[in-house]
Amino acid sequence: MKRLIHSKWLLPSLFIALVLNGIEFEFLGLLSNVPTYQVASALILATSLFGLYLIPFSVGIYYLAKRYQMSGFLVAVASLGGIYISGFLASHGNQWMGQFWSHVIPSTSFLSHWNDALTAPIVEEPIKAFAAILVISLFPTIPLKKSLLSPY
């Protein structure tokens, strides 16, 4: 098992597969078999907003890379992982955890008001940590133990 985890292709392949799956998940709702005017205009608007989002995102990557003496590529890869991996996995995880809470807590009134507060901390924070650990494992500039136990 240790040999499989430390192979050179496993972590990059896992990262690329999760990012591409996250991108597909984010944009899948904008695509349909029968394109209508509303769907096409929503796709054009979403693409335009994404383009507007790239400008401050690029400036932020440049600033973070200079501020922490890191490679801009590393910051960009970490951002891709944070955006797409955590969004895709958290969506499915929140749905599964919501189903779990519906079996544990019988009150539908309570669940309709508190479901998001009960699912998000349990699901989303470990997924964000998984995405961060995956990027740290891909680019081992400092040991994983030192980066997780750092005082700042």
N, C-alpha and C. Protein backbone atom coordinates (compact mmCIF):
# COMPACT_ATOMS: atom_id res chain seq x y z
N MET A 1 0.83 -1.20 0.00
CA MET A 1 0.00 0.00 0.00
C MET A 1 0.87 1.25 0.00
N LYS A 2 1.97 1.22 0.79
CA LYS A 2 2.84 2.38 0.86
C LYS A 2 3.44 2.67 -0.51
N ARG A 3 3.78 1.65 -1.25
CA ARG A 3 4.35 1.84 -2.58
C ARG A 3 3.34 2.48 -3.53
N LEU A 4 2.07 2.10 -3.40
CA LEU A 4 1.03 2.67 -4.24
C LEU A 4 0.82 4.14 -3.93
N ILE A 5 0.82 4.51 -2.67
CA ILE A 5 0.59 5.89 -2.29
C ILE A 5 1.76 6.76 -2.73
N HIS A 6 2.97 6.26 -2.65
CA HIS A 6 4.14 7.05 -2.99
C HIS A 6 4.54 6.93 -4.45
N SER A 7 3.73 6.31 -5.26
CA SER A 7 4.07 6.26 -6.67
C SER A 7 3.94 7.66 -7.27
N LYS A 8 4.65 7.89 -8.35
CA LYS A 8 4.73 9.24 -8.90
C LYS A 8 3.47 9.68 -9.63
N TRP A 9 2.64 8.76 -10.00
CA TRP A 9 1.48 9.13 -10.81
C TRP A 9 0.19 9.18 -10.02
N LEU A 10 0.13 8.61 -8.84
CA LEU A 10 -1.14 8.49 -8.12
C LEU A 10 -1.67 9.85 -7.64
N LEU A 11 -0.88 10.60 -6.91
CA LEU A 11 -1.37 11.87 -6.38
C LEU A 11 -1.68 12.89 -7.48
N PRO A 12 -0.81 13.07 -8.48
CA PRO A 12 -1.21 14.01 -9.55
C PRO A 12 -2.46 13.56 -10.30
N SER A 13 -2.60 12.27 -10.52
CA SER A 13 -3.80 11.77 -11.21
C SER A 13 -5.04 11.99 -10.37
N LEU A 14 -4.94 11.75 -9.08
CA LEU A 14 -6.07 11.97 -8.19
C LEU A 14 -6.45 13.44 -8.16
N PHE A 15 -5.45 14.31 -8.08
CA PHE A 15 -5.71 15.75 -8.05
C PHE A 15 -6.38 16.21 -9.34
N ILE A 16 -5.84 15.80 -10.48
CA ILE A 16 -6.41 16.21 -11.77
C ILE A 16 -7.82 15.67 -11.94
N ALA A 17 -8.04 14.43 -11.56
CA ALA A 17 -9.38 13.84 -11.69
C ALA A 17 -10.39 14.57 -10.81
N LEU A 18 -10.01 14.90 -9.59
CA LEU A 18 -10.94 15.60 -8.70
C LEU A 18 -11.21 17.02 -9.18
N VAL A 19 -10.19 17.72 -9.66
CA VAL A 19 -10.40 19.08 -10.17
C VAL A 19 -11.29 19.07 -11.40
N LEU A 20 -11.02 18.17 -12.34
CA LEU A 20 -11.85 18.10 -13.55
C LEU A 20 -13.28 17.70 -13.23
N ASN A 21 -13.45 16.79 -12.28
CA ASN A 21 -14.79 16.41 -11.86
C ASN A 21 -15.50 17.58 -11.19
N GLY A 22 -14.77 18.37 -10.42
CA GLY A 22 -15.35 19.56 -9.80
C GLY A 22 -15.76 20.60 -10.82
N ILE A 23 -14.93 20.80 -11.85
CA ILE A 23 -15.28 21.75 -12.92
C ILE A 23 -16.53 21.27 -13.64
N GLU A 24 -16.58 19.99 -13.94
CA GLU A 24 -17.75 19.44 -14.62
C GLU A 24 -19.00 19.61 -13.75
N PHE A 25 -18.86 19.37 -12.46
CA PHE A 25 -19.99 19.49 -11.54
C PHE A 25 -20.50 20.93 -11.48
N GLU A 26 -19.57 21.90 -11.48
CA GLU A 26 -19.97 23.30 -11.39
C GLU A 26 -20.70 23.78 -12.64
N PHE A 27 -20.26 23.31 -13.82
CA PHE A 27 -20.83 23.80 -15.06
C PHE A 27 -21.87 22.88 -15.68
N LEU A 28 -22.12 21.73 -15.08
CA LEU A 28 -23.06 20.78 -15.65
C LEU A 28 -24.48 21.32 -15.69
N GLY A 29 -24.85 22.12 -14.72
CA GLY A 29 -26.19 22.67 -14.70
C GLY A 29 -26.45 23.67 -15.81
N LEU A 30 -25.38 24.22 -16.37
CA LEU A 30 -25.55 25.20 -17.45
C LEU A 30 -25.64 24.56 -18.82
N LEU A 31 -25.39 23.27 -18.89
CA LEU A 31 -25.45 22.57 -20.18
C LEU A 31 -26.67 21.67 -20.22
N SER A 32 -27.27 21.57 -21.37
CA SER A 32 -28.42 20.67 -21.52
C SER A 32 -28.44 20.15 -22.94
N ASN A 33 -29.23 19.11 -23.15
CA ASN A 33 -29.34 18.54 -24.49
C ASN A 33 -30.10 19.45 -25.44
N VAL A 34 -31.04 20.20 -24.91
CA VAL A 34 -31.82 21.12 -25.73
C VAL A 34 -31.51 22.54 -25.26
N PRO A 35 -30.55 23.20 -25.89
CA PRO A 35 -30.20 24.55 -25.44
C PRO A 35 -31.33 25.54 -25.75
N THR A 36 -31.68 26.30 -24.75
CA THR A 36 -32.69 27.33 -24.92
C THR A 36 -32.01 28.69 -24.81
N TYR A 37 -32.76 29.71 -25.07
CA TYR A 37 -32.22 31.06 -24.97
C TYR A 37 -31.79 31.37 -23.54
N GLN A 38 -32.56 30.92 -22.56
CA GLN A 38 -32.24 31.19 -21.16
C GLN A 38 -30.97 30.46 -20.74
N VAL A 39 -30.81 29.22 -21.16
CA VAL A 39 -29.62 28.45 -20.80
C VAL A 39 -28.39 29.05 -21.48
N ALA A 40 -28.53 29.43 -22.75
CA ALA A 40 -27.40 30.01 -23.47
C ALA A 40 -26.99 31.35 -22.86
N SER A 41 -27.97 32.17 -22.48
CA SER A 41 -27.62 33.46 -21.87
C SER A 41 -27.01 33.26 -20.49
N ALA A 42 -27.49 32.26 -19.74
CA ALA A 42 -26.89 31.97 -18.43
C ALA A 42 -25.45 31.49 -18.58
N LEU A 43 -25.19 30.68 -19.62
CA LEU A 43 -23.83 30.20 -19.86
C LEU A 43 -22.91 31.35 -20.24
N ILE A 44 -23.38 32.24 -21.09
CA ILE A 44 -22.57 33.41 -21.48
C ILE A 44 -22.33 34.31 -20.28
N LEU A 45 -23.34 34.54 -19.46
CA LEU A 45 -23.18 35.37 -18.26
C LEU A 45 -22.21 34.73 -17.28
N ALA A 46 -22.33 33.43 -17.07
CA ALA A 46 -21.43 32.74 -16.14
C ALA A 46 -20.00 32.78 -16.63
N THR A 47 -19.79 32.60 -17.92
CA THR A 47 -18.44 32.66 -18.49
C THR A 47 -17.87 34.07 -18.37
N SER A 48 -18.69 35.08 -18.59
CA SER A 48 -18.23 36.46 -18.46
C SER A 48 -17.88 36.79 -17.02
N LEU A 49 -18.70 36.36 -16.09
CA LEU A 49 -18.40 36.59 -14.67
C LEU A 49 -17.14 35.85 -14.25
N PHE A 50 -16.94 34.67 -14.80
CA PHE A 50 -15.73 33.92 -14.50
C PHE A 50 -14.51 34.68 -15.03
N GLY A 51 -14.63 35.28 -16.20
CA GLY A 51 -13.54 36.10 -16.75
C GLY A 51 -13.25 37.31 -15.88
N LEU A 52 -14.31 37.96 -15.36
CA LEU A 52 -14.11 39.08 -14.45
C LEU A 52 -13.48 38.63 -13.13
N TYR A 53 -13.79 37.43 -12.73
CA TYR A 53 -13.24 36.87 -11.50
C TYR A 53 -11.76 36.56 -11.64
N LEU A 54 -11.32 36.25 -12.85
CA LEU A 54 -9.92 35.88 -13.06
C LEU A 54 -8.95 37.04 -12.84
N ILE A 55 -9.40 38.27 -13.08
CA ILE A 55 -8.50 39.41 -12.93
C ILE A 55 -8.07 39.59 -11.47
N PRO A 56 -9.00 39.75 -10.50
CA PRO A 56 -8.54 39.86 -9.11
C PRO A 56 -7.90 38.57 -8.59
N PHE A 57 -8.32 37.43 -9.13
CA PHE A 57 -7.73 36.16 -8.74
C PHE A 57 -6.25 36.12 -9.13
N SER A 58 -5.93 36.58 -10.33
CA SER A 58 -4.54 36.61 -10.79
C SER A 58 -3.71 37.58 -9.96
N VAL A 59 -4.29 38.72 -9.63
CA VAL A 59 -3.59 39.69 -8.78
C VAL A 59 -3.36 39.09 -7.39
N GLY A 60 -4.35 38.38 -6.86
CA GLY A 60 -4.20 37.74 -5.56
C GLY A 60 -3.13 36.67 -5.56
N ILE A 61 -3.06 35.89 -6.62
CA ILE A 61 -2.02 34.87 -6.73
C ILE A 61 -0.65 35.52 -6.78
N TYR A 62 -0.52 36.58 -7.55
CA TYR A 62 0.76 37.29 -7.64
C TYR A 62 1.16 37.85 -6.27
N TYR A 63 0.20 38.45 -5.55
CA TYR A 63 0.49 39.01 -4.24
C TYR A 63 0.90 37.92 -3.25
N LEU A 64 0.15 36.84 -3.20
CA LEU A 64 0.48 35.76 -2.26
C LEU A 64 1.82 35.11 -2.58
N ALA A 65 2.11 34.97 -3.85
CA ALA A 65 3.39 34.37 -4.25
C ALA A 65 4.54 35.25 -3.82
N LYS A 66 4.41 36.55 -3.98
CA LYS A 66 5.48 37.47 -3.57
C LYS A 66 5.56 37.58 -2.05
N ARG A 67 4.42 37.63 -1.40
CA ARG A 67 4.40 37.82 0.06
C ARG A 67 5.02 36.65 0.80
N TYR A 68 4.75 35.43 0.36
CA TYR A 68 5.24 34.25 1.06
C TYR A 68 6.38 33.55 0.33
N GLN A 69 6.99 34.22 -0.64
CA GLN A 69 8.10 33.67 -1.43
C GLN A 69 7.79 32.27 -1.94
N MET A 70 6.63 32.14 -2.57
CA MET A 70 6.21 30.85 -3.11
C MET A 70 6.09 30.98 -4.62
N SER A 71 6.05 29.85 -5.25
CA SER A 71 5.83 29.82 -6.69
C SER A 71 4.38 30.18 -6.99
N GLY A 72 4.18 30.99 -8.00
CA GLY A 72 2.82 31.34 -8.41
C GLY A 72 2.05 30.12 -8.87
N PHE A 73 2.75 29.17 -9.46
CA PHE A 73 2.13 27.93 -9.89
C PHE A 73 1.57 27.16 -8.70
N LEU A 74 2.32 27.12 -7.60
CA LEU A 74 1.86 26.41 -6.41
C LEU A 74 0.60 27.06 -5.84
N VAL A 75 0.58 28.39 -5.80
CA VAL A 75 -0.60 29.08 -5.28
C VAL A 75 -1.81 28.85 -6.20
N ALA A 76 -1.58 28.84 -7.51
CA ALA A 76 -2.67 28.59 -8.46
C ALA A 76 -3.21 27.17 -8.33
N VAL A 77 -2.32 26.20 -8.18
CA VAL A 77 -2.76 24.81 -8.02
C VAL A 77 -3.52 24.64 -6.71
N ALA A 78 -3.04 25.27 -5.65
CA ALA A 78 -3.75 25.20 -4.37
C ALA A 78 -5.13 25.85 -4.47
N SER A 79 -5.22 26.92 -5.21
CA SER A 79 -6.51 27.59 -5.38
C SER A 79 -7.47 26.73 -6.19
N LEU A 80 -6.98 26.10 -7.25
CA LEU A 80 -7.84 25.20 -8.02
C LEU A 80 -8.37 24.07 -7.15
N GLY A 81 -7.49 23.51 -6.34
CA GLY A 81 -7.93 22.44 -5.44
C GLY A 81 -8.95 22.93 -4.44
N GLY A 82 -8.73 24.12 -3.90
CA GLY A 82 -9.67 24.67 -2.93
C GLY A 82 -11.02 25.01 -3.52
N ILE A 83 -11.01 25.47 -4.76
CA ILE A 83 -12.28 25.86 -5.39
C ILE A 83 -13.06 24.63 -5.85
N TYR A 84 -12.43 23.80 -6.64
CA TYR A 84 -13.19 22.75 -7.32
C TYR A 84 -13.27 21.44 -6.55
N ILE A 85 -12.20 21.03 -5.88
CA ILE A 85 -12.27 19.77 -5.14
C ILE A 85 -13.21 19.91 -3.95
N SER A 86 -13.03 20.97 -3.18
CA SER A 86 -13.87 21.10 -1.99
C SER A 86 -15.33 21.38 -2.34
N GLY A 87 -15.59 22.13 -3.40
CA GLY A 87 -16.98 22.40 -3.78
C GLY A 87 -17.71 21.15 -4.24
N PHE A 88 -17.04 20.37 -5.06
CA PHE A 88 -17.65 19.15 -5.60
C PHE A 88 -17.90 18.12 -4.49
N LEU A 89 -16.87 17.84 -3.69
CA LEU A 89 -17.02 16.83 -2.64
C LEU A 89 -17.96 17.29 -1.53
N ALA A 90 -17.93 18.58 -1.20
CA ALA A 90 -18.81 19.09 -0.14
C ALA A 90 -20.28 19.03 -0.54
N SER A 91 -20.55 19.23 -1.80
CA SER A 91 -21.93 19.15 -2.26
C SER A 91 -22.50 17.75 -2.04
N HIS A 92 -21.74 16.75 -2.44
CA HIS A 92 -22.21 15.37 -2.24
C HIS A 92 -22.19 14.99 -0.76
N GLY A 93 -21.18 15.42 -0.05
CA GLY A 93 -21.10 15.10 1.37
C GLY A 93 -22.23 15.72 2.17
N ASN A 94 -22.58 16.97 1.85
CA ASN A 94 -23.70 17.62 2.54
C ASN A 94 -25.01 16.90 2.27
N GLN A 95 -25.18 16.43 1.05
CA GLN A 95 -26.40 15.69 0.71
C GLN A 95 -26.47 14.37 1.49
N TRP A 96 -25.36 13.66 1.55
CA TRP A 96 -25.35 12.39 2.29
C TRP A 96 -25.53 12.61 3.78
N MET A 97 -24.89 13.65 4.31
CA MET A 97 -25.04 13.92 5.74
C MET A 97 -26.46 14.38 6.06
N GLY A 98 -27.08 15.11 5.15
CA GLY A 98 -28.48 15.50 5.34
C GLY A 98 -29.40 14.29 5.38
N GLN A 99 -29.11 13.31 4.52
CA GLN A 99 -29.91 12.08 4.56
C GLN A 99 -29.69 11.33 5.86
N PHE A 100 -28.45 11.34 6.35
CA PHE A 100 -28.16 10.69 7.63
C PHE A 100 -28.94 11.36 8.76
N TRP A 101 -28.93 12.71 8.79
CA TRP A 101 -29.65 13.42 9.85
C TRP A 101 -31.15 13.19 9.75
N SER A 102 -31.67 13.01 8.53
CA SER A 102 -33.11 12.76 8.40
C SER A 102 -33.51 11.41 8.98
N HIS A 103 -32.58 10.47 9.02
CA HIS A 103 -32.86 9.17 9.64
C HIS A 103 -32.67 9.21 11.15
N VAL A 104 -31.76 10.05 11.62
CA VAL A 104 -31.47 10.13 13.05
C VAL A 104 -32.46 11.02 13.78
N ILE A 105 -32.78 12.19 13.17
CA ILE A 105 -33.67 13.16 13.80
C ILE A 105 -35.03 13.10 13.09
N PRO A 106 -36.07 12.68 13.77
CA PRO A 106 -37.36 12.51 13.08
C PRO A 106 -38.09 13.81 12.79
N SER A 107 -37.76 14.90 13.46
CA SER A 107 -38.50 16.16 13.31
C SER A 107 -38.11 16.85 11.99
N THR A 108 -39.05 16.90 11.06
CA THR A 108 -38.76 17.56 9.78
C THR A 108 -38.71 19.08 9.93
N SER A 109 -39.43 19.62 10.88
CA SER A 109 -39.39 21.06 11.12
C SER A 109 -38.01 21.48 11.61
N PHE A 110 -37.47 20.72 12.54
CA PHE A 110 -36.12 21.01 13.04
C PHE A 110 -35.09 20.89 11.93
N LEU A 111 -35.19 19.85 11.13
CA LEU A 111 -34.22 19.64 10.05
C LEU A 111 -34.32 20.71 8.97
N SER A 112 -35.51 21.18 8.68
CA SER A 112 -35.63 22.20 7.64
C SER A 112 -34.95 23.50 8.07
N HIS A 113 -34.90 23.76 9.36
CA HIS A 113 -34.25 24.98 9.85
C HIS A 113 -32.76 24.79 10.14
N TRP A 114 -32.36 23.61 10.57
CA TRP A 114 -31.00 23.39 11.07
C TRP A 114 -30.15 22.43 10.25
N ASN A 115 -30.63 21.94 9.14
CA ASN A 115 -29.89 20.94 8.37
C ASN A 115 -28.55 21.48 7.88
N ASP A 116 -28.53 22.71 7.36
CA ASP A 116 -27.28 23.27 6.85
C ASP A 116 -26.26 23.47 7.97
N ALA A 117 -26.72 23.90 9.13
CA ALA A 117 -25.82 24.10 10.26
C ALA A 117 -25.29 22.78 10.81
N LEU A 118 -26.05 21.72 10.66
CA LEU A 118 -25.60 20.42 11.15
C LEU A 118 -24.66 19.71 10.18
N THR A 119 -24.83 19.94 8.90
CA THR A 119 -24.03 19.20 7.92
C THR A 119 -22.73 19.91 7.56
N ALA A 120 -22.75 21.22 7.41
CA ALA A 120 -21.58 21.93 6.88
C ALA A 120 -20.30 21.75 7.71
N PRO A 121 -20.33 21.95 9.01
CA PRO A 121 -19.06 21.81 9.75
C PRO A 121 -18.49 20.38 9.73
N ILE A 122 -19.37 19.42 9.73
CA ILE A 122 -18.91 18.03 9.78
C ILE A 122 -18.34 17.58 8.44
N VAL A 123 -18.88 18.09 7.36
CA VAL A 123 -18.49 17.64 6.02
C VAL A 123 -17.42 18.54 5.40
N GLU A 124 -17.66 19.84 5.40
CA GLU A 124 -16.84 20.74 4.60
C GLU A 124 -15.43 20.95 5.14
N GLU A 125 -15.28 21.03 6.43
CA GLU A 125 -13.94 21.31 6.97
C GLU A 125 -12.96 20.16 6.72
N PRO A 126 -13.34 18.88 6.93
CA PRO A 126 -12.41 17.81 6.57
C PRO A 126 -12.10 17.75 5.07
N ILE A 127 -13.06 18.13 4.23
CA ILE A 127 -12.81 18.12 2.79
C ILE A 127 -11.83 19.22 2.42
N LYS A 128 -11.94 20.39 3.04
CA LYS A 128 -10.96 21.46 2.80
C LYS A 128 -9.57 21.02 3.27
N ALA A 129 -9.52 20.34 4.40
CA ALA A 129 -8.23 19.83 4.88
C ALA A 129 -7.67 18.78 3.92
N PHE A 130 -8.53 17.94 3.37
CA PHE A 130 -8.09 16.94 2.40
C PHE A 130 -7.49 17.61 1.16
N ALA A 131 -8.14 18.65 0.66
CA ALA A 131 -7.61 19.36 -0.51
C ALA A 131 -6.27 20.00 -0.20
N ALA A 132 -6.12 20.58 0.99
CA ALA A 132 -4.86 21.19 1.37
C ALA A 132 -3.76 20.14 1.53
N ILE A 133 -4.07 19.03 2.15
CA ILE A 133 -3.08 17.96 2.33
C ILE A 133 -2.68 17.37 0.99
N LEU A 134 -3.63 17.27 0.06
CA LEU A 134 -3.31 16.76 -1.27
C LEU A 134 -2.33 17.68 -1.99
N VAL A 135 -2.52 18.98 -1.89
CA VAL A 135 -1.60 19.92 -2.53
C VAL A 135 -0.23 19.89 -1.85
N ILE A 136 -0.23 19.81 -0.52
CA ILE A 136 1.05 19.73 0.20
C ILE A 136 1.78 18.45 -0.16
N SER A 137 1.05 17.37 -0.36
CA SER A 137 1.68 16.10 -0.75
C SER A 137 2.19 16.14 -2.18
N LEU A 138 1.53 16.90 -3.05
CA LEU A 138 1.98 17.01 -4.43
C LEU A 138 3.28 17.79 -4.55
N PHE A 139 3.42 18.83 -3.73
CA PHE A 139 4.60 19.70 -3.78
C PHE A 139 5.27 19.70 -2.41
N PRO A 140 6.08 18.69 -2.14
CA PRO A 140 6.66 18.55 -0.80
C PRO A 140 7.86 19.47 -0.57
N THR A 141 7.61 20.79 -0.51
CA THR A 141 8.70 21.71 -0.22
C THR A 141 9.08 21.67 1.25
N ILE A 142 8.11 21.45 2.11
CA ILE A 142 8.36 21.22 3.53
C ILE A 142 7.62 19.95 3.92
N PRO A 143 8.11 19.23 4.93
CA PRO A 143 7.44 17.99 5.32
C PRO A 143 6.01 18.24 5.79
N LEU A 144 5.15 17.27 5.54
CA LEU A 144 3.74 17.39 5.87
C LEU A 144 3.56 17.59 7.38
N LYS A 145 4.32 16.88 8.18
CA LYS A 145 4.18 16.99 9.63
C LYS A 145 4.53 18.40 10.10
N LYS A 146 5.59 18.98 9.54
CA LYS A 146 6.00 20.32 9.94
C LYS A 146 4.98 21.36 9.50
N SER A 147 4.39 21.18 8.32
CA SER A 147 3.41 22.16 7.84
C SER A 147 2.11 22.09 8.63
N LEU A 148 1.74 20.92 9.11
CA LEU A 148 0.50 20.81 9.87
C LEU A 148 0.68 21.21 11.33
N LEU A 149 1.89 21.08 11.86
CA LEU A 149 2.13 21.39 13.27
C LEU A 149 2.86 22.71 13.47
N SER A 150 2.88 23.54 12.45
CA SER A 150 3.57 24.83 12.53
C SER A 150 2.84 25.76 13.50
N PRO A 151 3.57 26.56 14.31
CA PRO A 151 2.90 27.43 15.28
C PRO A 151 2.19 28.62 14.64
N TYR A 152 2.44 28.92 13.37
CA TYR A 152 1.76 30.07 12.73
C TYR A 152 1.18 29.70 11.42
